[in-house]
Amino acid sequence: MANTLQSKKRARQGEARAAVNKARRSRIRTYLRKVEEALASGDQAAAAEALRGAQPELMRGVTKGVMHKNTASRKMSRLAARVKALGA
């Protein structure tokens, strides 16, 4: 348990950051789910549009420290490949 004023404040700040990060991560997952649903429906135009919406959210998550850069790049690459394959 935090005893000093400084450690109590840091504990409060940590809880606040965790809440922000949780919301941001949830938002990213929602955008990714939209892409997955569009892919499942077989509509390439909708999937491409959803992918264009998801890309900035993923990269924002990287800049905010919610996810690693390579993780976001890997997800984008795999989704883009699936959208492209849908058209072929």
Protein backbone atom coordinates (compact mmCIF):
# COMPACT_ATOMS: atom_id res chain seq x y z
CA MET A 1 0.00 0.00 0.00
CA ALA A 2 1.21 3.50 -0.82
CA ASN A 3 2.34 5.40 2.27
CA THR A 4 3.89 8.69 1.19
CA LEU A 5 1.97 11.46 -0.53
CA GLN A 6 4.09 10.99 -3.63
CA SER A 7 3.40 7.26 -3.84
CA LYS A 8 -0.32 7.84 -3.28
CA LYS A 9 -0.38 10.36 -6.10
CA ARG A 10 1.53 7.99 -8.40
CA ALA A 11 -0.99 5.25 -7.58
CA ARG A 12 -3.86 7.57 -8.56
CA GLN A 13 -2.08 8.57 -11.76
CA GLY A 14 -1.46 4.93 -12.61
CA GLU A 15 -5.15 4.10 -12.23
CA ALA A 16 -6.12 7.04 -14.43
CA ARG A 17 -3.61 6.05 -17.15
CA ALA A 18 -4.80 2.44 -17.00
CA ALA A 19 -8.38 3.60 -17.60
CA VAL A 20 -7.32 5.73 -20.58
CA ASN A 21 -5.25 2.90 -22.04
CA LYS A 22 -8.08 0.42 -21.56
CA ALA A 23 -10.48 2.70 -23.43
CA ARG A 24 -7.96 3.24 -26.23
CA ARG A 25 -7.25 -0.49 -26.56
CA SER A 26 -10.99 -1.19 -26.64
CA ARG A 27 -11.45 1.40 -29.38
CA ILE A 28 -8.69 -0.22 -31.45
CA ARG A 29 -10.27 -3.64 -31.03
CA THR A 30 -13.63 -2.26 -32.17
CA TYR A 31 -12.09 -0.95 -35.39
CA LEU A 32 -10.34 -4.27 -35.97
CA ARG A 33 -13.60 -6.12 -35.38
CA LYS A 34 -15.29 -3.97 -38.02
CA VAL A 35 -12.63 -5.06 -40.51
CA GLU A 36 -13.09 -8.71 -39.52
CA GLU A 37 -16.85 -8.47 -39.94
CA ALA A 38 -16.48 -6.86 -43.36
CA LEU A 39 -14.08 -9.63 -44.37
CA ALA A 40 -16.51 -12.27 -43.14
CA SER A 41 -19.33 -10.74 -45.17
CA GLY A 42 -17.18 -11.00 -48.30
CA ASP A 43 -17.59 -7.34 -49.29
CA GLN A 44 -14.17 -6.10 -50.39
CA ALA A 45 -15.22 -2.45 -50.67
CA ALA A 46 -16.56 -2.42 -47.11
CA ALA A 47 -13.48 -4.27 -45.85
CA ALA A 48 -11.14 -1.80 -47.56
CA GLU A 49 -13.06 1.14 -46.09
CA ALA A 50 -12.98 -0.43 -42.60
CA LEU A 51 -9.25 -1.04 -43.00
CA ARG A 52 -8.68 2.62 -43.89
CA GLY A 53 -10.50 3.55 -40.69
CA ALA A 54 -8.59 1.07 -38.55
CA GLN A 55 -5.12 2.05 -39.71
CA PRO A 56 -4.93 5.47 -37.98
CA GLU A 57 -6.36 3.99 -34.78
CA LEU A 58 -3.70 1.29 -34.73
CA MET A 59 -0.91 3.78 -35.32
CA ARG A 60 -2.33 6.13 -32.69
CA GLY A 61 -2.18 3.23 -30.26
CA VAL A 62 1.52 2.90 -31.09
CA THR A 63 2.27 6.59 -30.50
CA LYS A 64 0.35 6.52 -27.21
CA GLY A 65 2.26 3.45 -26.04
CA VAL A 66 -0.71 1.08 -25.93
CA MET A 67 0.85 -1.38 -28.35
CA HIS A 68 4.22 -2.05 -29.91
CA LYS A 69 5.00 -0.67 -33.36
CA ASN A 70 5.77 -4.09 -34.83
CA THR A 71 2.54 -5.54 -33.45
CA ALA A 72 0.47 -2.84 -35.13
CA SER A 73 2.42 -3.19 -38.38
CA ARG A 74 1.92 -6.96 -38.36
CA LYS A 75 -1.83 -6.59 -37.80
CA MET A 76 -2.13 -4.03 -40.59
CA SER A 77 -0.10 -6.15 -42.99
CA ARG A 78 -2.14 -9.29 -42.35
CA LEU A 79 -5.47 -7.48 -42.63
CA ALA A 80 -4.39 -5.72 -45.84
CA ALA A 81 -3.35 -9.07 -47.33
CA ARG A 82 -6.73 -10.58 -46.46
CA VAL A 83 -8.62 -7.62 -47.96
CA LYS A 84 -6.52 -7.85 -51.11
CA ALA A 85 -7.10 -11.62 -51.37
CA LEU A 86 -10.83 -11.02 -51.05
CA GLY A 87 -10.79 -9.17 -54.37
CA ALA A 88 -8.82 -11.81 -56.20
